[in-house]
Each structure stands twice: as structure tokens, then as C-alpha cells.
Amino acid sequence: MSIKVVIQKWKPKAEAYFSTFPWKNMLFFLFFLVLAFIFWLVLFFQKENVEGTYRIPLKYTHIPEDVVFNQALPQYVEISVADNGAEIFRLDIKKKDSLEINVEELTDGGNTVLQGDQYRQLIRSQFSPGTNIRGYFPMNISLATSKLQRKELRVVFDGEITTSRANLVADSAVFIPENVTAYGSEQSLDKLETAMTEYTLFRNLKATSQLPIAINPVEGVKFVPDRVEIYIPIEEYTERTFEVPVTAVQIPKNLDVKFFPSRASVSFSVTLEEYKKITPEDFEIKLDYRVLNANEDGRVDLELTKSPATVNNIRISPSSVEFLFENKTTP
């Protein structure tokens, strides 16, 4: 049955029901309901000693870089308060600001525990002067720390970089800064030789980019900074192909070598800036006689023995050639 047929079937029944519905009584009921709510709200605002419990996040600041806390720090403090209804209502709808704990300031002079009046004053800063602080948890916060060893580590990239079709990575990626400081126990730092980044994929880069990347966390070790910038030089490339002769070296005077084919196509990627500077003479394929002589199947793989440092993605076709030794005729 289609939706249209269902609507046509039930439409007359719905119209009949709503035409007889006691709308007037419903409006009176809603009016008195709203009135009752307003009356209750007024009474609530005037009521004294209304209790409320609030969870306030803790924010630790000015922590020395070369220390670690001996105990895990709480992230929240649960606070029970009492005040008039209007103030409790305001607290219920107000966004809770973080309670800042200045570690350097609080531990100055050897104090390692936040408690008592010092703790209570911090908590009171979050409420009105007339609000009664009935209790809070945790009752105290240990700020005791231990000194850490430090070690400078070179940042190493872990991931993949891909470029758009006409671009290639022109050079090695560079980190800013190149080194980070690792803080930890002597045992944990001895295991680290480099600071590895989190595994990251940079896809389809079209231009030189400087991007943020995080240092991969290591349990028990703190990295400063824990995020660096990676600079990836990207240049536009074009393809070019040359025919390069296949030659042999260290050949005895009474022998000659024939290659089939005798030339190979060398294709490569080069920047537009370097395109006109590259010539066929910049490439060589020279095979050593000793390698040929030790070969029993008469076929050898081709490798470039000379190529410019400015080219990338070099391909040789064919990848191997057949060869044949011939005795030179004495004139």
C-alpha cells in the first residue's frame, strides 16, 4: 500500500478527532502549568541553604620541564556548597572555569602538598563570597616531584609523503626544531637514540609545505617540545628520456663485446629549472668485463654508472640486455 493511499485513508479520521478535541481545556491546563512552574521558581530562588555539588577541572601551570610528579595528579575537584536558590541556579547554568594551580609558586620554599587554607582559598575563588564551602575532594593534592635526566634527540620522520602528479619531493624533509629534549630516568633515556614522530600521512602535496607534527609519546619520557614543524620542499617536475649506449670496460685487447640491444632508454624526472641543463652525456651505462665473463646465461642487468644528482625516479628500458664476446681479427 502506498503512502498516498494511507494518508487518504487516515486523513478524514484525523480531521474528525482534532475537530472535537477540547483545545480550550488544554490551553487552560498549560497556562496553570506554566504559572505553577514560575511560582516554584520564585520559591526556589528565595530558599536558603540550597545544596549543590560541582565538578571543576584542574589546570596545572608553570611546571618545571626537568621534573616528573611522584603521584598522578587529579584532573578534577568535587566541591559541595550551600547558598540561596538564586545563587545555586546561577552556578548550575554557569560554565565552570578551570581551577589554576601554579605549581612553581605553590612549591616555592619546599612545600609539596596543596592543602588547608591555601587549597580552600583557591577553591573559594570559583564562588561568591557568601557561598558556604561544605566540603571538597580530594582533600589535598601532592605536588612532590623528582628530578629527571635529559637527553637531546634528533627528530626522525615516521610516515609517508605523496605529491600530486606533476610534483616530487625535491629534498629531504627538515624539522623545526631539528632536535628535541627528552626528560626521563637514565634507564628510559638509554633506550632512545632518536625522537620518532607519530606515523603521519601527507597526501597529494602540491607545493612546499610547513606542517605541524607530533612526537610519538614514549611511556615515562617527556619531550620538549612535544610538537614540531616539518618543512617539505616540493617542486614541479617533468619527464625526459634519453637513449644511452651500453658499453663495456676492462675488455681484453683481443676481445670485443656486442650488446643486444646496444642502447637503452633512460627515463627520469627533473625540475623545470634543471630540464635544459641535462644532456645524454650526463648518463653512462658501463659494464665490467669481469661481471660479463662470470655470467653464464649471456644476459646482464643494466645499471647506470653515471647520472646527475638533480634527477629522480630513474627508469632503464630494457632492464637487461644480451651480450656476445667476439675475437678481434688481427690485420
Protein backbone atom coordinates (compact mmCIF):
# COMPACT_ATOMS: atom_id res chain seq x y z
CA MET A 1 0.00 0.00 0.00
CA SER A 2 1.45 3.37 -1.00
CA ILE A 3 1.94 6.28 1.40
CA LYS A 4 -0.55 8.37 -0.56
CA VAL A 5 -3.28 5.76 -0.09
CA VAL A 6 -2.54 5.52 3.66
CA ILE A 7 -2.76 9.33 4.04
CA GLN A 8 -6.06 9.44 2.17
CA LYS A 9 -7.43 6.67 4.38
CA TRP A 10 -6.48 8.25 7.73
CA LYS A 11 -6.94 11.93 6.88
CA PRO A 12 -10.73 12.03 7.49
CA LYS A 13 -10.31 10.25 10.86
CA ALA A 14 -7.60 12.67 11.97
CA GLU A 15 -9.66 15.69 10.96
CA ALA A 16 -12.65 14.33 12.85
CA TYR A 17 -10.60 13.72 16.02
CA PHE A 18 -8.95 17.14 16.13
CA SER A 19 -12.18 18.94 15.32
CA THR A 20 -13.69 17.55 18.56
CA PHE A 21 -10.51 17.89 20.69
CA PRO A 22 -11.04 20.12 23.78
CA TRP A 23 -8.45 22.73 22.87
CA LYS A 24 -9.81 25.26 25.35
CA ASN A 25 -9.28 22.92 28.30
CA MET A 26 -5.78 22.12 27.07
CA LEU A 27 -4.83 25.79 26.91
CA PHE A 28 -6.11 26.34 30.49
CA PHE A 29 -4.10 23.36 31.67
CA LEU A 30 -0.89 24.63 30.01
CA PHE A 31 -1.44 28.12 31.44
CA PHE A 32 -1.73 26.86 35.02
CA LEU A 33 1.24 24.53 34.48
CA VAL A 34 3.46 27.46 33.47
CA LEU A 35 2.11 29.53 36.35
CA ALA A 36 2.94 26.73 38.81
CA PHE A 37 6.45 26.47 37.45
CA ILE A 38 7.03 30.22 37.82
CA PHE A 39 5.69 30.09 41.39
CA TRP A 40 8.01 27.16 42.21
CA LEU A 41 10.96 29.01 40.67
CA VAL A 42 10.29 32.11 42.82
CA LEU A 43 10.13 29.97 45.96
CA PHE A 44 13.33 28.16 44.96
CA PHE A 45 15.22 31.45 44.42
CA GLN A 46 14.19 32.67 47.88
CA LYS A 47 15.05 29.42 49.65
CA GLU A 48 18.16 29.42 51.87
CA ASN A 49 20.80 26.68 52.32
CA VAL A 50 20.18 25.01 48.98
CA GLU A 51 22.94 22.47 48.39
CA GLY A 52 24.80 21.77 45.17
CA THR A 53 27.78 19.68 44.07
CA TYR A 54 30.09 20.74 41.25
CA ARG A 55 32.98 19.12 39.40
CA ILE A 56 35.61 21.70 38.48
CA PRO A 57 38.55 20.84 36.18
CA LEU A 58 42.09 21.45 37.47
CA LYS A 59 44.72 23.15 35.32
CA TYR A 60 48.37 22.83 36.34
CA THR A 61 50.67 25.62 35.14
CA HIS A 62 54.35 26.65 35.46
CA ILE A 63 55.61 23.07 35.77
CA PRO A 64 59.43 22.82 35.52
CA GLU A 65 60.47 20.89 32.42
CA ASP A 66 63.01 18.67 34.17
CA VAL A 67 60.72 17.12 36.80
CA VAL A 68 58.04 14.45 36.96
CA PHE A 69 55.30 14.20 39.61
CA ASN A 70 55.70 11.32 42.03
CA GLN A 71 51.95 10.73 42.07
CA ALA A 72 49.33 11.06 39.35
CA LEU A 73 47.64 14.47 39.56
CA PRO A 74 43.84 14.63 39.87
CA GLN A 75 42.13 16.23 36.91
CA TYR A 76 39.01 17.41 38.77
CA VAL A 77 37.93 18.52 42.24
CA GLU A 78 34.43 17.70 43.54
CA ILE A 79 33.05 20.61 45.61
CA SER A 80 29.91 20.60 47.78
CA VAL A 81 28.43 24.04 48.53
CA ALA A 82 25.34 25.65 50.09
CA ASP A 83 23.78 29.01 49.20
CA ASN A 84 20.43 30.61 48.37
CA GLY A 85 18.42 29.21 45.48
CA ALA A 86 19.23 32.07 43.10
CA GLU A 87 22.99 31.56 43.50
CA ILE A 88 22.73 27.77 43.15
CA PHE A 89 20.68 28.25 39.98
CA ARG A 90 23.38 30.59 38.63
CA LEU A 91 26.08 28.03 39.45
CA ASP A 92 24.09 25.29 37.71
CA ILE A 93 23.89 27.14 34.40
CA LYS A 94 27.31 28.87 34.54
CA LYS A 95 30.19 27.31 32.61
CA LYS A 96 32.81 26.08 35.07
CA ASP A 97 36.24 27.71 34.68
CA SER A 98 39.33 25.61 35.34
CA LEU A 99 40.92 25.98 38.76
CA GLU A 100 44.52 27.02 38.01
CA ILE A 101 47.26 25.53 40.18
CA ASN A 102 50.58 27.38 39.76
CA VAL A 103 52.99 24.56 40.65
CA GLU A 104 56.13 26.72 40.72
CA GLU A 105 54.55 29.29 43.02
CA LEU A 106 52.93 26.79 45.37
CA THR A 107 56.05 24.65 45.79
CA ASP A 108 58.37 27.61 46.34
CA GLY A 109 60.02 27.14 49.73
CA GLY A 110 59.79 23.36 49.80
CA ASN A 111 56.02 22.91 50.15
CA THR A 112 54.97 19.75 48.28
CA VAL A 113 51.29 19.36 49.30
CA LEU A 114 48.38 21.64 48.42
CA GLN A 115 46.02 21.53 51.41
CA GLY A 116 44.39 23.52 54.20
CA ASP A 117 43.72 27.25 53.88
CA GLN A 118 45.86 27.56 50.73
CA TYR A 119 43.76 24.94 48.95
CA ARG A 120 40.49 26.33 50.32
CA GLN A 121 41.33 29.85 49.12
CA LEU A 122 41.90 28.56 45.60
CA ILE A 123 38.53 26.80 45.66
CA ARG A 124 36.75 29.85 47.09
CA SER A 125 37.96 31.93 44.12
CA GLN A 126 35.46 29.99 41.98
CA PHE A 127 32.41 31.05 44.08
CA SER A 128 30.69 34.11 45.50
CA PRO A 129 31.84 35.40 48.91
CA GLY A 130 28.54 34.32 50.52
CA THR A 131 28.71 30.73 49.26
CA ASN A 132 29.36 28.19 52.03
CA ILE A 133 32.00 25.61 51.03
CA ARG A 134 30.78 22.44 52.79
CA GLY A 135 33.45 20.05 51.53
CA TYR A 136 35.68 19.03 48.64
CA PHE A 137 37.50 16.00 47.29
CA PRO A 138 40.38 15.28 47.05
CA MET A 139 41.20 16.88 50.39
CA ASN A 140 44.79 17.51 49.32
CA ILE A 141 46.98 17.30 46.20
CA SER A 142 50.57 16.06 46.29
CA LEU A 143 52.88 18.22 44.17
CA ALA A 144 56.06 16.30 45.06
CA THR A 145 58.38 15.83 42.09
CA SER A 146 61.58 14.02 41.17
CA LYS A 147 64.40 15.35 39.01
CA LEU A 148 64.71 13.85 35.55
CA GLN A 149 67.71 13.18 33.35
CA ARG A 150 67.76 14.95 29.99
CA LYS A 151 68.93 13.99 26.52
CA GLU A 152 68.98 15.83 23.19
CA LEU A 153 67.46 13.72 20.41
CA ARG A 154 67.30 14.22 16.66
CA VAL A 155 63.75 14.19 15.24
CA VAL A 156 63.08 11.44 12.69
CA PHE A 157 60.02 11.27 10.44
CA ASP A 158 57.79 8.20 10.52
CA GLY A 159 55.15 8.19 7.80
CA GLU A 160 54.58 8.70 4.11
CA ILE A 161 54.72 11.74 1.84
CA THR A 162 52.98 11.71 -1.53
CA THR A 163 52.70 14.54 -4.02
CA SER A 164 50.30 15.43 -6.80
CA ARG A 165 51.02 14.08 -10.26
CA ALA A 166 53.39 16.76 -11.56
CA ASN A 167 55.30 17.28 -8.30
CA LEU A 168 58.00 15.48 -6.35
CA VAL A 169 59.76 15.94 -3.03
CA ALA A 170 62.83 17.96 -4.03
CA ASP A 171 64.96 17.20 -0.98
CA SER A 172 64.90 15.66 2.48
CA ALA A 173 62.28 16.97 4.88
CA VAL A 174 63.63 19.29 7.58
CA PHE A 175 62.30 19.66 11.12
CA ILE A 176 61.93 22.92 13.01
CA PRO A 177 63.50 22.48 15.51
CA GLU A 178 65.72 19.61 14.36
CA ASN A 179 66.23 18.33 17.93
CA VAL A 180 64.02 17.99 20.99
CA THR A 181 64.88 17.43 24.65
CA ALA A 182 63.74 14.19 26.26
CA TYR A 183 63.31 14.05 30.05
CA GLY A 184 63.13 10.75 31.90
CA SER A 185 65.01 8.24 34.00
CA GLU A 186 68.52 7.29 32.93
CA GLN A 187 67.30 3.80 32.08
CA SER A 188 64.46 5.01 29.84
CA LEU A 189 66.65 7.56 28.04
CA ASP A 190 69.37 4.99 27.32
CA LYS A 191 66.88 3.16 25.08
CA LEU A 192 66.27 6.22 22.90
CA GLU A 193 68.53 7.21 20.01
CA THR A 194 66.06 9.44 18.14
CA ALA A 195 62.71 11.13 18.71
CA MET A 196 60.31 9.49 16.28
CA THR A 197 57.27 11.39 15.04
CA GLU A 198 53.81 9.89 15.16
CA TYR A 199 53.06 7.93 11.99
CA THR A 200 51.62 10.56 9.65
CA LEU A 201 50.41 10.56 6.05
CA PHE A 202 50.87 13.72 3.97
CA ARG A 203 48.93 13.14 0.77
CA ASN A 204 48.88 14.93 -2.60
CA LEU A 205 51.12 17.84 -1.64
CA LYS A 206 51.19 20.42 -4.44
CA ALA A 207 53.67 22.96 -3.07
CA THR A 208 56.42 23.37 -0.49
CA SER A 209 54.73 22.96 2.89
CA GLN A 210 55.47 23.54 6.57
CA LEU A 211 53.13 21.46 8.71
CA PRO A 212 52.79 20.59 12.43
CA ILE A 213 53.57 17.04 13.54
CA ALA A 214 53.59 15.42 16.98
CA ILE A 215 56.43 13.47 18.58
CA ASN A 216 55.42 9.87 19.22
CA PRO A 217 54.93 9.54 23.01
CA VAL A 218 57.11 7.15 24.99
CA GLU A 219 55.98 5.88 28.39
CA GLY A 220 57.97 7.50 31.19
CA VAL A 221 59.54 10.10 28.89
CA LYS A 222 58.57 13.75 28.38
CA PHE A 223 59.53 15.50 25.14
CA VAL A 224 60.03 19.26 25.00
CA PRO A 225 58.65 20.40 22.69
CA ASP A 226 56.23 17.54 22.01
CA ARG A 227 55.23 19.01 18.63
CA VAL A 228 57.50 20.29 15.84
CA GLU A 229 57.13 21.64 12.30
CA ILE A 230 58.12 19.58 9.27
CA TYR A 231 59.32 21.50 6.20
CA ILE A 232 58.76 19.55 2.97
CA PRO A 233 60.27 21.10 -0.20
CA ILE A 234 58.08 20.33 -3.21
CA GLU A 235 58.99 21.19 -6.82
CA GLU A 236 57.23 20.75 -10.12
CA TYR A 237 58.84 18.03 -12.23
CA THR A 238 58.65 16.92 -15.84
CA GLU A 239 59.62 13.69 -17.56
CA ARG A 240 62.50 13.30 -20.01
CA THR A 241 64.06 10.34 -21.86
CA PHE A 242 67.50 9.81 -23.45
CA GLU A 243 69.00 6.98 -25.46
CA VAL A 244 72.22 5.88 -23.73
CA PRO A 245 74.74 3.46 -25.29
CA VAL A 246 75.59 0.25 -23.41
CA THR A 247 79.39 -0.12 -23.25
CA ALA A 248 81.91 -2.39 -21.55
CA VAL A 249 85.15 -1.63 -19.70
CA GLN A 250 88.25 -3.66 -18.78
CA ILE A 251 87.89 -5.68 -22.03
CA PRO A 252 90.99 -7.66 -23.10
CA LYS A 253 92.62 -6.31 -26.27
CA ASN A 254 91.83 -9.44 -28.26
CA LEU A 255 88.10 -9.38 -27.45
CA ASP A 256 85.11 -7.29 -28.33
CA VAL A 257 81.60 -7.32 -26.79
CA LYS A 258 78.36 -6.91 -28.67
CA PHE A 259 75.16 -5.96 -26.78
CA PHE A 260 71.62 -6.67 -28.00
CA PRO A 261 70.21 -4.06 -27.96
CA SER A 262 73.21 -1.78 -27.86
CA ARG A 263 71.33 1.23 -26.42
CA ALA A 264 68.86 1.64 -23.57
CA SER A 265 66.20 4.26 -22.90
CA VAL A 266 66.79 6.14 -19.67
CA SER A 267 63.71 7.99 -18.38
CA PHE A 268 63.79 10.29 -15.39
CA SER A 269 62.04 13.16 -13.60
CA VAL A 270 63.69 16.56 -13.48
CA THR A 271 62.67 20.02 -12.29
CA LEU A 272 61.71 22.61 -14.89
CA GLU A 273 64.73 24.66 -13.78
CA GLU A 274 67.17 21.80 -14.49
CA TYR A 275 65.40 20.48 -17.60
CA LYS A 276 67.61 22.24 -20.18
CA LYS A 277 70.84 21.60 -18.29
CA ILE A 278 70.63 17.79 -18.56
CA THR A 279 72.25 16.15 -21.63
CA PRO A 280 72.63 12.50 -22.76
CA GLU A 281 76.36 12.70 -21.94
CA ASP A 282 75.42 13.03 -18.25
CA PHE A 283 74.42 9.34 -18.25
CA GLU A 284 76.57 6.26 -18.72
CA ILE A 285 75.95 2.52 -18.67
CA LYS A 286 79.33 0.78 -18.43
CA LEU A 287 79.52 -2.94 -17.68
CA ASP A 288 82.65 -4.55 -16.26
CA TYR A 289 84.19 -7.39 -18.30
CA ARG A 290 84.71 -9.47 -15.16
CA VAL A 291 80.98 -9.42 -14.46
CA LEU A 292 80.22 -10.36 -18.06
CA ASN A 293 82.80 -13.13 -18.11
CA ALA A 294 81.35 -14.69 -14.93
CA ASN A 295 77.86 -14.62 -16.42
CA GLU A 296 76.80 -17.96 -17.88
CA ASP A 297 73.41 -17.20 -19.47
CA GLY A 298 74.55 -14.38 -21.78
CA ARG A 299 72.21 -11.75 -20.24
CA VAL A 300 73.12 -8.99 -17.81
CA ASP A 301 71.12 -6.42 -15.84
CA LEU A 302 71.67 -2.77 -16.65
CA GLU A 303 72.65 -0.15 -14.11
CA LEU A 304 73.66 3.47 -14.52
CA THR A 305 77.28 4.11 -13.67
CA LYS A 306 76.89 7.86 -14.07
CA SER A 307 73.88 10.15 -13.62
CA PRO A 308 73.25 13.74 -12.45
CA ALA A 309 72.35 14.29 -8.81
CA THR A 310 69.45 16.54 -9.85
CA VAL A 311 67.34 13.80 -11.47
CA ASN A 312 64.87 11.49 -9.74
CA ASN A 313 62.81 8.39 -10.41
CA ILE A 314 65.25 6.93 -12.97
CA ARG A 315 64.00 4.01 -15.10
CA ILE A 316 66.01 1.95 -17.64
CA SER A 317 64.34 0.10 -20.50
CA PRO A 318 65.09 -2.66 -21.20
CA SER A 319 66.27 -3.57 -17.71
CA SER A 320 68.68 -6.20 -19.12
CA VAL A 321 70.43 -6.99 -22.43
CA GLU A 322 72.03 -9.98 -24.07
CA PHE A 323 75.77 -9.91 -24.91
CA LEU A 324 78.19 -11.86 -27.05
CA PHE A 325 82.00 -11.98 -26.99
CA GLU A 326 83.84 -11.77 -30.33
CA ASN A 327 87.51 -12.29 -31.09
CA LYS A 328 89.12 -9.35 -32.78
CA THR A 329 90.66 -10.19 -36.15
CA THR A 330 94.36 -9.40 -36.47
CA PRO A 331 95.02 -7.19 -39.52
